[in-house]
Protein backbone atom coordinates (compact mmCIF):
# COMPACT_ATOMS: atom_id res chain seq x y z
CA MET A 1 16.68 6.04 20.10
CA LYS A 2 13.58 8.18 19.52
CA PHE A 3 15.68 10.85 17.89
CA VAL A 4 17.27 8.40 15.46
CA LEU A 5 13.94 6.82 14.51
CA SER A 6 12.49 10.28 13.92
CA TRP A 7 15.18 10.82 11.26
CA GLY A 8 13.69 7.92 9.31
CA ALA A 9 10.13 9.13 9.76
CA LYS A 10 11.07 12.60 8.47
CA GLN A 11 12.94 11.36 5.44
CA ASN A 12 13.71 14.63 3.71
CA GLU A 13 14.53 16.79 6.73
CA PHE A 14 17.74 15.05 7.84
CA SER A 15 20.91 14.08 6.08
CA TYR A 16 21.03 10.59 7.58
CA THR A 17 20.21 7.73 5.23
CA HIS A 18 18.10 4.75 6.18
CA GLN A 19 21.23 2.66 5.74
CA GLU A 20 23.01 4.77 8.37
CA ILE A 21 20.00 4.53 10.69
CA ALA A 22 19.92 0.73 10.32
CA HIS A 23 23.65 0.49 11.01
CA TRP A 24 23.28 2.76 14.07
CA CYS A 25 20.47 0.53 15.34
CA ASP A 26 22.65 -2.54 14.86
CA ARG A 27 25.48 -0.97 16.88
CA PHE A 28 23.00 0.20 19.56
CA HIS A 29 21.58 -3.31 19.83
CA MET A 30 24.99 -5.00 20.02
CA ASP A 31 26.26 -2.50 22.58
CA GLY A 32 23.13 -2.95 24.68
CA MET A 33 23.46 -6.72 24.61
CA GLU A 34 27.13 -6.58 25.61
CA ASN A 35 26.51 -4.11 28.43
CA ASP A 36 23.30 -5.72 29.70
CA ASN A 37 21.20 -2.66 28.95
CA SER A 38 17.86 -2.86 30.74
CA ASP A 39 15.82 -1.09 28.04
CA ASP A 40 14.55 -4.24 26.36
CA VAL A 41 11.96 -2.40 24.25
CA ALA A 42 14.55 -0.12 22.67
CA LEU A 43 16.92 -3.04 22.08
CA ASP A 44 14.17 -5.08 20.44
CA ILE A 45 13.19 -2.18 18.20
CA ALA A 46 16.83 -1.56 17.24
CA ALA A 47 17.23 -5.23 16.34
CA ASP A 48 14.02 -5.09 14.31
CA VAL A 49 15.14 -2.00 12.38
CA ASP A 50 18.39 -3.71 11.43
CA ALA A 51 16.65 -6.97 10.50
CA GLN A 52 13.95 -5.21 8.48
CA TRP A 53 16.64 -3.29 6.57
CA ASP A 54 18.25 -6.55 5.50
CA LEU A 55 14.93 -8.20 4.69
CA TYR A 56 13.76 -5.18 2.71
CA LEU A 57 16.88 -5.33 0.56
CA VAL A 58 16.62 -9.07 -0.04
CA ASN A 59 12.89 -8.97 -0.79
CA SER A 60 12.93 -5.83 -2.95
CA TYR A 61 15.93 -6.34 -5.21
CA LYS A 62 17.39 -9.12 -7.29
CA LEU A 63 20.97 -10.22 -6.66
CA GLU A 64 22.19 -8.42 -9.76
CA GLU A 65 20.55 -5.20 -8.58
CA LEU A 66 22.00 -5.54 -5.08
CA GLN A 67 25.49 -5.89 -6.50
CA LYS A 68 25.17 -2.49 -8.20
CA LEU A 69 22.84 -0.78 -5.73
CA GLU A 70 23.71 2.47 -3.99
CA PHE A 71 22.43 1.46 -0.54
CA SER A 72 22.46 5.00 0.75
CA GLU A 73 19.60 5.80 -1.64
CA VAL A 74 17.31 3.01 -0.42
CA LYS A 75 14.44 4.17 1.77
CA LEU A 76 12.36 2.02 4.04
CA PRO A 77 8.65 2.85 4.27
CA LYS A 78 8.08 5.91 6.44
CA GLU A 79 5.24 4.09 8.20
CA TRP A 80 7.69 1.56 9.63
CA PHE A 81 9.56 4.30 11.45
CA GLU A 82 6.29 5.72 12.73
CA GLU A 83 5.30 2.27 14.06
CA TRP A 84 8.68 1.81 15.76
CA LEU A 85 8.32 5.22 17.38
CA GLN A 86 4.85 4.28 18.65
CA LYS A 87 6.17 1.03 20.14
CA LEU A 88 8.99 2.93 21.80
CA ASN A 89 6.51 5.36 23.36
CA THR A 90 4.32 2.65 24.89
């Protein structure tokens, strides 16, 4: 989880998009819920990343823009990834 979040914090150093990171977090969260993973902090953060991705899109773009948007080019604020990493480390 830390490794994936670090990709978002270091936006230009990795080839993974924020869309891919959000989708990975969604899969991680769903898998953890299905398999009764005991790392509640990581699961909560993964759920938050996925939710914030969706909210960011809805709150930042009009419907017409979303219909034409290249989601792989959308970047969440770097600070969000840094905050998630801090929460994961506590």
